[in-house]
């Protein structure tokens, strides 16, 4: 199992729009495509309270490549994204890392 750590830094004031997009649309699309989330967090104390951090769980890099490409090309996702950004962009930037658990990790 590998994990993808994604951090979305939102435009000030736009975190609620990002949260709504995930809660009301994105997670349903991911379920349809077989994308597994391992958790979502907002920042209580840290560099920016405008961040959304989440983890995705992948069986392999090949699975990630195939399913993420399907998600990005999905017509429903493209419409949801366009609709949610009618008032302007939501994210300032997105960072991601692909992580492999150590032998002593609590998650595998």
PDB file of N, CA and C in Angstrom:
ATOM      1  N   UNK A   1       0.851  -1.179   0.000  1.00  0.00           N
ATOM      2  CA  UNK A   1       0.000   0.000   0.000  1.00  0.00           C
ATOM      3  C   UNK A   1       0.890   1.234   0.000  1.00  0.00           C
ATOM      4  N   UNK A   2       0.529   2.196  -0.806  1.00  0.00           N
ATOM      5  CA  UNK A   2       1.181   3.507  -0.754  1.00  0.00           C
ATOM      6  C   UNK A   2       0.112   4.547  -0.445  1.00  0.00           C
ATOM      7  N   UNK A   3       0.552   5.657   0.081  1.00  0.00           N
ATOM      8  CA  UNK A   3      -0.361   6.733   0.445  1.00  0.00           C
ATOM      9  C   UNK A   3       0.045   7.989  -0.288  1.00  0.00           C
ATOM     10  N   UNK A   4      -0.957   8.750  -0.685  1.00  0.00           N
ATOM     11  CA  UNK A   4      -0.704  10.039  -1.320  1.00  0.00           C
ATOM     12  C   UNK A   4      -1.163  11.124  -0.369  1.00  0.00           C
ATOM     13  N   UNK A   5      -0.237  11.963   0.032  1.00  0.00           N
ATOM     14  CA  UNK A   5      -0.520  13.103   0.902  1.00  0.00           C
ATOM     15  C   UNK A   5      -0.737  14.312   0.006  1.00  0.00           C
ATOM     16  N   UNK A   6      -1.911  14.906   0.096  1.00  0.00           N
ATOM     17  CA  UNK A   6      -2.245  16.078  -0.720  1.00  0.00           C
ATOM     18  C   UNK A   6      -2.621  17.225   0.212  1.00  0.00           C
ATOM     19  N   UNK A   7      -2.064  18.397  -0.058  1.00  0.00           N
ATOM     20  CA  UNK A   7      -2.362  19.588   0.737  1.00  0.00           C
ATOM     21  C   UNK A   7      -2.828  20.673  -0.217  1.00  0.00           C
ATOM     22  N   UNK A   8      -4.030  21.152   0.008  1.00  0.00           N
ATOM     23  CA  UNK A   8      -4.617  22.219  -0.801  1.00  0.00           C
ATOM     24  C   UNK A   8      -4.592  23.499   0.009  1.00  0.00           C
ATOM     25  N   UNK A   9      -3.888  24.501  -0.476  1.00  0.00           N
ATOM     26  CA  UNK A   9      -3.893  25.838   0.125  1.00  0.00           C
ATOM     27  C   UNK A   9      -4.942  26.642  -0.638  1.00  0.00           C
ATOM     28  N   UNK A  10      -6.003  27.030   0.053  1.00  0.00           N
ATOM     29  CA  UNK A  10      -7.104  27.716  -0.619  1.00  0.00           C
ATOM     30  C   UNK A  10      -6.902  29.228  -0.630  1.00  0.00           C
ATOM     31  N   UNK A  11      -7.577  29.850  -1.559  1.00  0.00           N
ATOM     32  CA  UNK A  11      -7.674  31.306  -1.588  1.00  0.00           C
ATOM     33  C   UNK A  11      -8.367  31.716  -0.284  1.00  0.00           C
ATOM     34  N   UNK A  12      -7.910  32.764   0.397  1.00  0.00           N
ATOM     35  CA  UNK A  12      -8.564  33.174   1.638  1.00  0.00           C
ATOM     36  C   UNK A  12     -10.086  33.279   1.465  1.00  0.00           C
ATOM     37  N   UNK A  13     -10.791  32.649   2.400  1.00  0.00           N
ATOM     38  CA  UNK A  13     -12.247  32.670   2.375  1.00  0.00           C
ATOM     39  C   UNK A  13     -12.888  31.583   1.532  1.00  0.00           C
ATOM     40  N   UNK A  14     -12.093  30.780   0.802  1.00  0.00           N
ATOM     41  CA  UNK A  14     -12.658  29.781  -0.118  1.00  0.00           C
ATOM     42  C   UNK A  14     -12.605  28.344   0.420  1.00  0.00           C
ATOM     43  N   UNK A  15     -12.067  28.145   1.644  1.00  0.00           N
ATOM     44  CA  UNK A  15     -12.039  26.798   2.207  1.00  0.00           C
ATOM     45  C   UNK A  15     -13.439  26.187   2.297  1.00  0.00           C
ATOM     46  N   UNK A  16     -14.481  26.920   2.721  1.00  0.00           N
ATOM     47  CA  UNK A  16     -15.817  26.314   2.756  1.00  0.00           C
ATOM     48  C   UNK A  16     -16.273  25.789   1.377  1.00  0.00           C
ATOM     49  N   UNK A  17     -15.927  26.479   0.303  1.00  0.00           N
ATOM     50  CA  UNK A  17     -16.301  26.011  -1.036  1.00  0.00           C
ATOM     51  C   UNK A  17     -15.577  24.712  -1.373  1.00  0.00           C
ATOM     52  N   UNK A  18     -14.309  24.593  -0.979  1.00  0.00           N
ATOM     53  CA  UNK A  18     -13.559  23.365  -1.236  1.00  0.00           C
ATOM     54  C   UNK A  18     -14.134  22.208  -0.425  1.00  0.00           C
ATOM     55  N   UNK A  19     -14.420  22.460   0.840  1.00  0.00           N
ATOM     56  CA  UNK A  19     -15.006  21.414   1.683  1.00  0.00           C
ATOM     57  C   UNK A  19     -16.344  20.945   1.117  1.00  0.00           C
ATOM     58  N   UNK A  20     -17.164  21.872   0.683  1.00  0.00           N
ATOM     59  CA  UNK A  20     -18.466  21.509   0.097  1.00  0.00           C
ATOM     60  C   UNK A  20     -18.281  20.687  -1.173  1.00  0.00           C
ATOM     61  N   UNK A  21     -17.313  21.061  -1.994  1.00  0.00           N
ATOM     62  CA  UNK A  21     -17.079  20.314  -3.234  1.00  0.00           C
ATOM     63  C   UNK A  21     -16.695  18.872  -2.931  1.00  0.00           C
ATOM     64  N   UNK A  22     -15.804  18.665  -1.957  1.00  0.00           N
ATOM     65  CA  UNK A  22     -15.446  17.295  -1.587  1.00  0.00           C
ATOM     66  C   UNK A  22     -16.647  16.551  -1.007  1.00  0.00           C
ATOM     67  N   UNK A  23     -17.307  17.167  -0.037  1.00  0.00           N
ATOM     68  CA  UNK A  23     -18.391  16.488   0.678  1.00  0.00           C
ATOM     69  C   UNK A  23     -19.578  16.177  -0.232  1.00  0.00           C
ATOM     70  N   UNK A  24     -19.928  17.088  -1.106  1.00  0.00           N
ATOM     71  CA  UNK A  24     -21.153  16.939  -1.900  1.00  0.00           C
ATOM     72  C   UNK A  24     -20.947  16.291  -3.261  1.00  0.00           C
ATOM     73  N   UNK A  25     -19.708  16.253  -3.743  1.00  0.00           N
ATOM     74  CA  UNK A  25     -19.497  15.753  -5.108  1.00  0.00           C
ATOM     75  C   UNK A  25     -18.299  14.826  -5.249  1.00  0.00           C
ATOM     76  N   UNK A  26     -17.109  15.314  -4.880  1.00  0.00           N
ATOM     77  CA  UNK A  26     -15.882  14.593  -5.186  1.00  0.00           C
ATOM     78  C   UNK A  26     -15.858  13.196  -4.581  1.00  0.00           C
ATOM     79  N   UNK A  27     -16.251  13.055  -3.317  1.00  0.00           N
ATOM     80  CA  UNK A  27     -16.194  11.741  -2.679  1.00  0.00           C
ATOM     81  C   UNK A  27     -17.105  10.736  -3.373  1.00  0.00           C
ATOM     82  N   UNK A  28     -18.246  11.171  -3.851  1.00  0.00           N
ATOM     83  CA  UNK A  28     -19.161  10.292  -4.588  1.00  0.00           C
ATOM     84  C   UNK A  28     -18.520   9.843  -5.902  1.00  0.00           C
ATOM     85  N   UNK A  29     -17.861  10.763  -6.586  1.00  0.00           N
ATOM     86  CA  UNK A  29     -17.181  10.422  -7.842  1.00  0.00           C
ATOM     87  C   UNK A  29     -16.042   9.446  -7.552  1.00  0.00           C
ATOM     88  N   UNK A  30     -15.271   9.705  -6.498  1.00  0.00           N
ATOM     89  CA  UNK A  30     -14.202   8.783  -6.132  1.00  0.00           C
ATOM     90  C   UNK A  30     -14.744   7.395  -5.838  1.00  0.00           C
ATOM     91  N   UNK A  31     -15.852   7.307  -5.114  1.00  0.00           N
ATOM     92  CA  UNK A  31     -16.450   5.997  -4.825  1.00  0.00           C
ATOM     93  C   UNK A  31     -16.766   5.262  -6.124  1.00  0.00           C
ATOM     94  N   UNK A  32     -17.333   5.963  -7.065  1.00  0.00           N
ATOM     95  CA  UNK A  32     -17.682   5.357  -8.361  1.00  0.00           C
ATOM     96  C   UNK A  32     -16.443   4.851  -9.085  1.00  0.00           C
ATOM     97  N   UNK A  33     -15.315   5.572  -8.933  1.00  0.00           N
ATOM     98  CA  UNK A  33     -14.083   5.218  -9.638  1.00  0.00           C
ATOM     99  C   UNK A  33     -13.162   4.302  -8.830  1.00  0.00           C
ATOM    100  N   UNK A  34     -13.530   4.000  -7.594  1.00  0.00           N
ATOM    101  CA  UNK A  34     -12.711   3.122  -6.765  1.00  0.00           C
ATOM    102  C   UNK A  34     -11.517   3.797  -6.111  1.00  0.00           C
ATOM    103  N   UNK A  35     -11.580   5.103  -5.920  1.00  0.00           N
ATOM    104  CA  UNK A  35     -10.508   5.845  -5.246  1.00  0.00           C
ATOM    105  C   UNK A  35     -10.815   5.854  -3.750  1.00  0.00           C
ATOM    106  N   UNK A  36      -9.837   5.423  -2.946  1.00  0.00           N
ATOM    107  CA  UNK A  36     -10.026   5.274  -1.501  1.00  0.00           C
ATOM    108  C   UNK A  36      -9.341   6.415  -0.740  1.00  0.00           C
ATOM    109  N   UNK A  37     -10.130   7.127   0.038  1.00  0.00           N
ATOM    110  CA  UNK A  37      -9.551   8.154   0.899  1.00  0.00           C
ATOM    111  C   UNK A  37      -9.269   7.547   2.266  1.00  0.00           C
ATOM    112  N   UNK A  38      -8.157   8.017   2.888  1.00  0.00           N
ATOM    113  CA  UNK A  38      -7.764   7.519   4.199  1.00  0.00           C
ATOM    114  C   UNK A  38      -7.937   8.571   5.284  1.00  0.00           C
ATOM    115  N   UNK A  39      -8.466   9.743   4.930  1.00  0.00           N
ATOM    116  CA  UNK A  39      -8.735  10.769   5.927  1.00  0.00           C
ATOM    117  C   UNK A  39      -8.561  12.170   5.372  1.00  0.00           C
ATOM    118  N   UNK A  40      -9.294  13.092   5.973  1.00  0.00           N
ATOM    119  CA  UNK A  40      -9.248  14.516   5.630  1.00  0.00           C
ATOM    120  C   UNK A  40      -9.072  15.311   6.907  1.00  0.00           C
ATOM    121  N   UNK A  41      -8.299  16.405   6.807  1.00  0.00           N
ATOM    122  CA  UNK A  41      -8.065  17.262   7.960  1.00  0.00           C
ATOM    123  C   UNK A  41      -8.028  18.721   7.532  1.00  0.00           C
ATOM    124  N   UNK A  42      -8.555  19.590   8.375  1.00  0.00           N
ATOM    125  CA  UNK A  42      -8.316  21.021   8.243  1.00  0.00           C
ATOM    126  C   UNK A  42      -7.272  21.382   9.296  1.00  0.00           C
ATOM    127  N   UNK A  43      -6.619  22.500   9.109  1.00  0.00           N
ATOM    128  CA  UNK A  43      -5.527  22.896   9.986  1.00  0.00           C
ATOM    129  C   UNK A  43      -6.060  23.693  11.170  1.00  0.00           C
ATOM    130  N   UNK A  44      -5.871  23.144  12.365  1.00  0.00           N
ATOM    131  CA  UNK A  44      -6.275  23.822  13.596  1.00  0.00           C
ATOM    132  C   UNK A  44      -5.178  24.797  14.033  1.00  0.00           C
ATOM    133  N   UNK A  45      -3.941  24.322  14.053  1.00  0.00           N
ATOM    134  CA  UNK A  45      -2.786  25.145  14.388  1.00  0.00           C
ATOM    135  C   UNK A  45      -1.712  24.812  13.364  1.00  0.00           C
ATOM    136  N   UNK A  46      -1.169  25.815  12.724  1.00  0.00           N
ATOM    137  CA  UNK A  46      -0.140  25.575  11.721  1.00  0.00           C
ATOM    138  C   UNK A  46       0.074  26.796  10.853  1.00  0.00           C
ATOM    139  N   UNK A  47       0.719  26.571   9.739  1.00  0.00           N
ATOM    140  CA  UNK A  47       1.095  27.664   8.852  1.00  0.00           C
ATOM    141  C   UNK A  47      -0.110  28.413   8.295  1.00  0.00           C
ATOM    142  N   UNK A  48      -1.182  27.667   7.935  1.00  0.00           N
ATOM    143  CA  UNK A  48      -2.348  28.325   7.346  1.00  0.00           C
ATOM    144  C   UNK A  48      -3.628  27.593   7.711  1.00  0.00           C
ATOM    145  N   UNK A  49      -4.601  28.345   8.195  1.00  0.00           N
ATOM    146  CA  UNK A  49      -5.907  27.747   8.481  1.00  0.00           C
ATOM    147  C   UNK A  49      -6.750  27.641   7.205  1.00  0.00           C
ATOM    148  N   UNK A  50      -6.162  27.976   6.069  1.00  0.00           N
ATOM    149  CA  UNK A  50      -6.846  27.851   4.778  1.00  0.00           C
ATOM    150  C   UNK A  50      -6.471  26.560   4.062  1.00  0.00           C
ATOM    151  N   UNK A  51      -5.825  25.618   4.776  1.00  0.00           N
ATOM    152  CA  UNK A  51      -5.379  24.371   4.164  1.00  0.00           C
ATOM    153  C   UNK A  51      -6.365  23.241   4.400  1.00  0.00           C
ATOM    154  N   UNK A  52      -6.470  22.378   3.400  1.00  0.00           N
ATOM    155  CA  UNK A  52      -7.128  21.085   3.540  1.00  0.00           C
ATOM    156  C   UNK A  52      -6.070  20.038   3.223  1.00  0.00           C
ATOM    157  N   UNK A  53      -5.892  19.102   4.146  1.00  0.00           N
ATOM    158  CA  UNK A  53      -4.922  18.026   3.983  1.00  0.00           C
ATOM    159  C   UNK A  53      -5.681  16.708   3.945  1.00  0.00           C
ATOM    160  N   UNK A  54      -5.301  15.831   3.006  1.00  0.00           N
ATOM    161  CA  UNK A  54      -5.933  14.520   2.986  1.00  0.00           C
ATOM    162  C   UNK A  54      -4.978  13.465   2.463  1.00  0.00           C
ATOM    163  N   UNK A  55      -5.345  12.203   2.745  1.00  0.00           N
ATOM    164  CA  UNK A  55      -4.577  11.046   2.298  1.00  0.00           C
ATOM    165  C   UNK A  55      -5.445  10.169   1.416  1.00  0.00           C
ATOM    166  N   UNK A  56      -4.844   9.665   0.348  1.00  0.00           N
ATOM    167  CA  UNK A  56      -5.448   8.650  -0.495  1.00  0.00           C
ATOM    168  C   UNK A  56      -4.640   7.373  -0.344  1.00  0.00           C
ATOM    169  N   UNK A  57      -5.295   6.236  -0.419  1.00  0.00           N
ATOM    170  CA  UNK A  57      -4.626   4.939  -0.302  1.00  0.00           C
ATOM    171  C   UNK A  57      -4.652   4.249  -1.659  1.00  0.00           C
ATOM    172  N   UNK A  58      -3.482   3.805  -2.099  1.00  0.00           N
ATOM    173  CA  UNK A  58      -3.338   3.136  -3.395  1.00  0.00           C
ATOM    174  C   UNK A  58      -2.658   1.785  -3.192  1.00  0.00           C
ATOM    175  N   UNK A  59      -3.090   0.793  -3.958  1.00  0.00           N
ATOM    176  CA  UNK A  59      -2.444  -0.517  -3.919  1.00  0.00           C
ATOM    177  C   UNK A  59      -1.083  -0.468  -4.613  1.00  0.00           C
ATOM    178  N   UNK A  60      -0.936   0.430  -5.595  1.00  0.00           N
ATOM    179  CA  UNK A  60       0.309   0.517  -6.361  1.00  0.00           C
ATOM    180  C   UNK A  60       0.361   1.850  -7.097  1.00  0.00           C
ATOM    181  N   UNK A  61       1.527   2.176  -7.626  1.00  0.00           N
ATOM    182  CA  UNK A  61       1.654   3.377  -8.451  1.00  0.00           C
ATOM    183  C   UNK A  61       0.832   3.238  -9.725  1.00  0.00           C
ATOM    184  N   UNK A  62       0.759   2.030 -10.259  1.00  0.00           N
ATOM    185  CA  UNK A  62      -0.031   1.799 -11.478  1.00  0.00           C
ATOM    186  C   UNK A  62      -1.513   2.068 -11.213  1.00  0.00           C
ATOM    187  N   UNK A  63      -2.023   1.624 -10.059  1.00  0.00           N
ATOM    188  CA  UNK A  63      -3.419   1.907  -9.722  1.00  0.00           C
ATOM    189  C   UNK A  63      -3.637   3.409  -9.612  1.00  0.00           C
ATOM    190  N   UNK A  64      -2.720   4.104  -8.966  1.00  0.00           N
ATOM    191  CA  UNK A  64      -2.851   5.549  -8.818  1.00  0.00           C
ATOM    192  C   UNK A  64      -2.887   6.236 -10.174  1.00  0.00           C
ATOM    193  N   UNK A  65      -1.985   5.856 -11.055  1.00  0.00           N
ATOM    194  CA  UNK A  65      -1.929   6.467 -12.378  1.00  0.00           C
ATOM    195  C   UNK A  65      -3.236   6.247 -13.152  1.00  0.00           C
ATOM    196  N   UNK A  66      -3.730   5.031 -13.135  1.00  0.00           N
ATOM    197  CA  UNK A  66      -4.945   4.695 -13.886  1.00  0.00           C
ATOM    198  C   UNK A  66      -6.180   5.397 -13.314  1.00  0.00           C
ATOM    199  N   UNK A  67      -6.370   5.308 -12.006  1.00  0.00           N
ATOM    200  CA  UNK A  67      -7.586   5.862 -11.400  1.00  0.00           C
ATOM    201  C   UNK A  67      -7.558   7.386 -11.336  1.00  0.00           C
ATOM    202  N   UNK A  68      -6.388   7.988 -11.100  1.00  0.00           N
ATOM    203  CA  UNK A  68      -6.321   9.449 -11.056  1.00  0.00           C
ATOM    204  C   UNK A  68      -6.564  10.022 -12.447  1.00  0.00           C
ATOM    205  N   UNK A  69      -6.032   9.372 -13.475  1.00  0.00           N
ATOM    206  CA  UNK A  69      -6.273   9.819 -14.853  1.00  0.00           C
ATOM    207  C   UNK A  69      -7.762   9.722 -15.189  1.00  0.00           C
ATOM    208  N   UNK A  70      -8.401   8.647 -14.752  1.00  0.00           N
ATOM    209  CA  UNK A  70      -9.842   8.494 -14.995  1.00  0.00           C
ATOM    210  C   UNK A  70     -10.622   9.593 -14.284  1.00  0.00           C
ATOM    211  N   UNK A  71     -10.219   9.929 -13.066  1.00  0.00           N
ATOM    212  CA  UNK A  71     -10.878  10.993 -12.320  1.00  0.00           C
ATOM    213  C   UNK A  71     -10.730  12.333 -13.030  1.00  0.00           C
ATOM    214  N   UNK A  72      -9.503  12.672 -13.406  1.00  0.00           N
ATOM    215  CA  UNK A  72      -9.265  13.962 -14.050  1.00  0.00           C
ATOM    216  C   UNK A  72     -10.023  14.096 -15.378  1.00  0.00           C
ATOM    217  N   UNK A  73     -10.239  12.986 -16.063  1.00  0.00           N
ATOM    218  CA  UNK A  73     -10.945  13.001 -17.348  1.00  0.00           C
ATOM    219  C   UNK A  73     -12.452  12.834 -17.202  1.00  0.00           C
ATOM    220  N   UNK A  74     -12.929  12.576 -16.001  1.00  0.00           N
ATOM    221  CA  UNK A  74     -14.344  12.294 -15.775  1.00  0.00           C
ATOM    222  C   UNK A  74     -15.201  13.533 -16.072  1.00  0.00           C
ATOM    223  N   UNK A  75     -16.189  13.419 -16.956  1.00  0.00           N
ATOM    224  CA  UNK A  75     -17.021  14.578 -17.304  1.00  0.00           C
ATOM    225  C   UNK A  75     -17.781  15.174 -16.109  1.00  0.00           C
ATOM    226  N   UNK A  76     -18.257  14.319 -15.208  1.00  0.00           N
ATOM    227  CA  UNK A  76     -18.964  14.844 -14.033  1.00  0.00           C
ATOM    228  C   UNK A  76     -18.002  15.672 -13.177  1.00  0.00           C
ATOM    229  N   UNK A  77     -16.782  15.181 -12.943  1.00  0.00           N
ATOM    230  CA  UNK A  77     -15.806  15.934 -12.168  1.00  0.00           C
ATOM    231  C   UNK A  77     -15.482  17.259 -12.843  1.00  0.00           C
ATOM    232  N   UNK A  78     -15.284  17.242 -14.135  1.00  0.00           N
ATOM    233  CA  UNK A  78     -14.951  18.472 -14.848  1.00  0.00           C
ATOM    234  C   UNK A  78     -16.064  19.510 -14.701  1.00  0.00           C
ATOM    235  N   UNK A  79     -17.322  19.063 -14.736  1.00  0.00           N
ATOM    236  CA  UNK A  79     -18.449  19.989 -14.565  1.00  0.00           C
ATOM    237  C   UNK A  79     -18.532  20.511 -13.131  1.00  0.00           C
ATOM    238  N   UNK A  80     -18.353  19.603 -12.158  1.00  0.00           N
ATOM    239  CA  UNK A  80     -18.366  20.006 -10.747  1.00  0.00           C
ATOM    240  C   UNK A  80     -17.277  21.039 -10.481  1.00  0.00           C
ATOM    241  N   UNK A  81     -16.090  20.792 -11.005  1.00  0.00           N
ATOM    242  CA  UNK A  81     -14.991  21.731 -10.794  1.00  0.00           C
ATOM    243  C   UNK A  81     -15.310  23.089 -11.408  1.00  0.00           C
ATOM    244  N   UNK A  82     -15.789  23.085 -12.637  1.00  0.00           N
ATOM    245  CA  UNK A  82     -16.128  24.347 -13.311  1.00  0.00           C
ATOM    246  C   UNK A  82     -17.212  25.093 -12.542  1.00  0.00           C
ATOM    247  N   UNK A  83     -18.243  24.380 -12.109  1.00  0.00           N
ATOM    248  CA  UNK A  83     -19.343  25.014 -11.371  1.00  0.00           C
ATOM    249  C   UNK A  83     -18.851  25.620 -10.059  1.00  0.00           C
ATOM    250  N   UNK A  84     -17.975  24.899  -9.359  1.00  0.00           N
ATOM    251  CA  UNK A  84     -17.520  25.363  -8.046  1.00  0.00           C
ATOM    252  C   UNK A  84     -16.540  26.536  -8.156  1.00  0.00           C
ATOM    253  N   UNK A  85     -16.006  26.754  -9.347  1.00  0.00           N
ATOM    254  CA  UNK A  85     -15.048  27.850  -9.533  1.00  0.00           C
ATOM    255  C   UNK A  85     -15.629  28.998 -10.356  1.00  0.00           C
ATOM    256  N   UNK A  86     -16.965  29.064 -10.460  1.00  0.00           N
ATOM    257  CA  UNK A  86     -17.602  30.167 -11.184  1.00  0.00           C
ATOM    258  C   UNK A  86     -17.268  31.521 -10.568  1.00  0.00           C
ATOM    259  N   UNK A  87     -17.095  31.549  -9.244  1.00  0.00           N
ATOM    260  CA  UNK A  87     -16.773  32.804  -8.554  1.00  0.00           C
ATOM    261  C   UNK A  87     -15.276  33.018  -8.421  1.00  0.00           C
ATOM    262  N   UNK A  88     -14.490  32.225  -9.131  1.00  0.00           N
ATOM    263  CA  UNK A  88     -13.039  32.339  -9.080  1.00  0.00           C
ATOM    264  C   UNK A  88     -12.407  31.074  -8.558  1.00  0.00           C
ATOM    265  N   UNK A  89     -11.087  30.977  -8.675  1.00  0.00           N
ATOM    266  CA  UNK A  89     -10.382  29.778  -8.227  1.00  0.00           C
ATOM    267  C   UNK A  89     -10.572  29.538  -6.737  1.00  0.00           C
ATOM    268  N   UNK A  90     -10.506  28.270  -6.363  1.00  0.00           N
ATOM    269  CA  UNK A  90     -10.593  27.888  -4.952  1.00  0.00           C
ATOM    270  C   UNK A  90      -9.198  27.746  -4.361  1.00  0.00           C
ATOM    271  N   UNK A  91      -8.285  27.141  -5.099  1.00  0.00           N
ATOM    272  CA  UNK A  91      -6.963  26.827  -4.561  1.00  0.00           C
ATOM    273  C   UNK A  91      -5.895  27.785  -5.057  1.00  0.00           C
ATOM    274  N   UNK A  92      -5.014  28.164  -4.124  1.00  0.00           N
ATOM    275  CA  UNK A  92      -3.811  28.893  -4.504  1.00  0.00           C
ATOM    276  C   UNK A  92      -2.767  27.927  -5.056  1.00  0.00           C
ATOM    277  N   UNK A  93      -2.624  26.778  -4.368  1.00  0.00           N
ATOM    278  CA  UNK A  93      -1.721  25.734  -4.847  1.00  0.00           C
ATOM    279  C   UNK A  93      -2.075  24.401  -4.219  1.00  0.00           C
ATOM    280  N   UNK A  94      -1.571  23.357  -4.850  1.00  0.00           N
ATOM    281  CA  UNK A  94      -1.777  21.987  -4.382  1.00  0.00           C
ATOM    282  C   UNK A  94      -0.409  21.318  -4.349  1.00  0.00           C
ATOM    283  N   UNK A  95      -0.105  20.666  -3.238  1.00  0.00           N
ATOM    284  CA  UNK A  95       1.129  19.876  -3.175  1.00  0.00           C
ATOM    285  C   UNK A  95       0.750  18.432  -2.893  1.00  0.00           C
ATOM    286  N   UNK A  96       1.566  17.531  -3.402  1.00  0.00           N
ATOM    287  CA  UNK A  96       1.320  16.126  -3.093  1.00  0.00           C
ATOM    288  C   UNK A  96       2.630  15.366  -3.005  1.00  0.00           C
ATOM    289  N   UNK A  97       2.584  14.307  -2.209  1.00  0.00           N
ATOM    290  CA  UNK A  97       3.712  13.400  -2.029  1.00  0.00           C
ATOM    291  C   UNK A  97       3.165  11.984  -2.022  1.00  0.00           C
ATOM    292  N   UNK A  98       3.916  11.065  -2.624  1.00  0.00           N
ATOM    293  CA  UNK A  98       3.571   9.652  -2.565  1.00  0.00           C
ATOM    294  C   UNK A  98       4.460   9.023  -1.500  1.00  0.00           C
ATOM    295  N   UNK A  99       3.831   8.358  -0.532  1.00  0.00           N
ATOM    296  CA  UNK A  99       4.519   7.878   0.669  1.00  0.00           C
ATOM    297  C   UNK A  99       4.433   6.363   0.766  1.00  0.00           C
ATOM    298  N   UNK A 100       5.528   5.731   1.171  1.00  0.00           N
ATOM    299  CA  UNK A 100       5.559   4.298   1.424  1.00  0.00           C
ATOM    300  C   UNK A 100       5.728   4.081   2.930  1.00  0.00           C
ATOM    301  N   UNK A 101       4.849   3.287   3.558  1.00  0.00           N
ATOM    302  CA  UNK A 101       4.973   3.039   4.985  1.00  0.00           C
ATOM    303  C   UNK A 101       6.279   2.308   5.324  1.00  0.00           C
ATOM    304  N   UNK A 102       6.835   2.632   6.457  1.00  0.00           N
ATOM    305  CA  UNK A 102       8.007   1.901   6.949  1.00  0.00           C
ATOM    306  C   UNK A 102       7.566   0.557   7.514  1.00  0.00           C
ATOM    307  N   UNK A 103       8.514  -0.326   7.784  1.00  0.00           N
ATOM    308  CA  UNK A 103       8.214  -1.633   8.358  1.00  0.00           C
ATOM    309  C   UNK A 103       7.559  -1.513   9.733  1.00  0.00           C
ATOM    310  N   UNK A 104       7.799  -0.413  10.442  1.00  0.00           N
ATOM    311  CA  UNK A 104       7.266  -0.246  11.795  1.00  0.00           C
ATOM    312  C   UNK A 104       6.076   0.704  11.860  1.00  0.00           C
ATOM    313  N   UNK A 105       5.521   1.055  10.711  1.00  0.00           N
ATOM    314  CA  UNK A 105       4.368   1.963  10.661  1.00  0.00           C
ATOM    315  C   UNK A 105       3.105   1.269  11.172  1.00  0.00           C
ATOM    316  N   UNK A 106       2.237   2.055  11.806  1.00  0.00           N
ATOM    317  CA  UNK A 106       0.954   1.530  12.272  1.00  0.00           C
ATOM    318  C   UNK A 106       0.003   1.269  11.106  1.00  0.00           C
ATOM    319  N   UNK A 107       0.254   1.905   9.975  1.00  0.00           N
ATOM    320  CA  UNK A 107      -0.551   1.650   8.780  1.00  0.00           C
ATOM    321  C   UNK A 107       0.312   0.905   7.771  1.00  0.00           C
ATOM    322  N   UNK A 108      -0.306   0.050   6.997  1.00  0.00           N
ATOM    323  CA  UNK A 108       0.484  -0.732   6.048  1.00  0.00           C
ATOM    324  C   UNK A 108      -0.120  -0.710   4.759  1.00  0.00           C
TER     325      UNK A 108
END
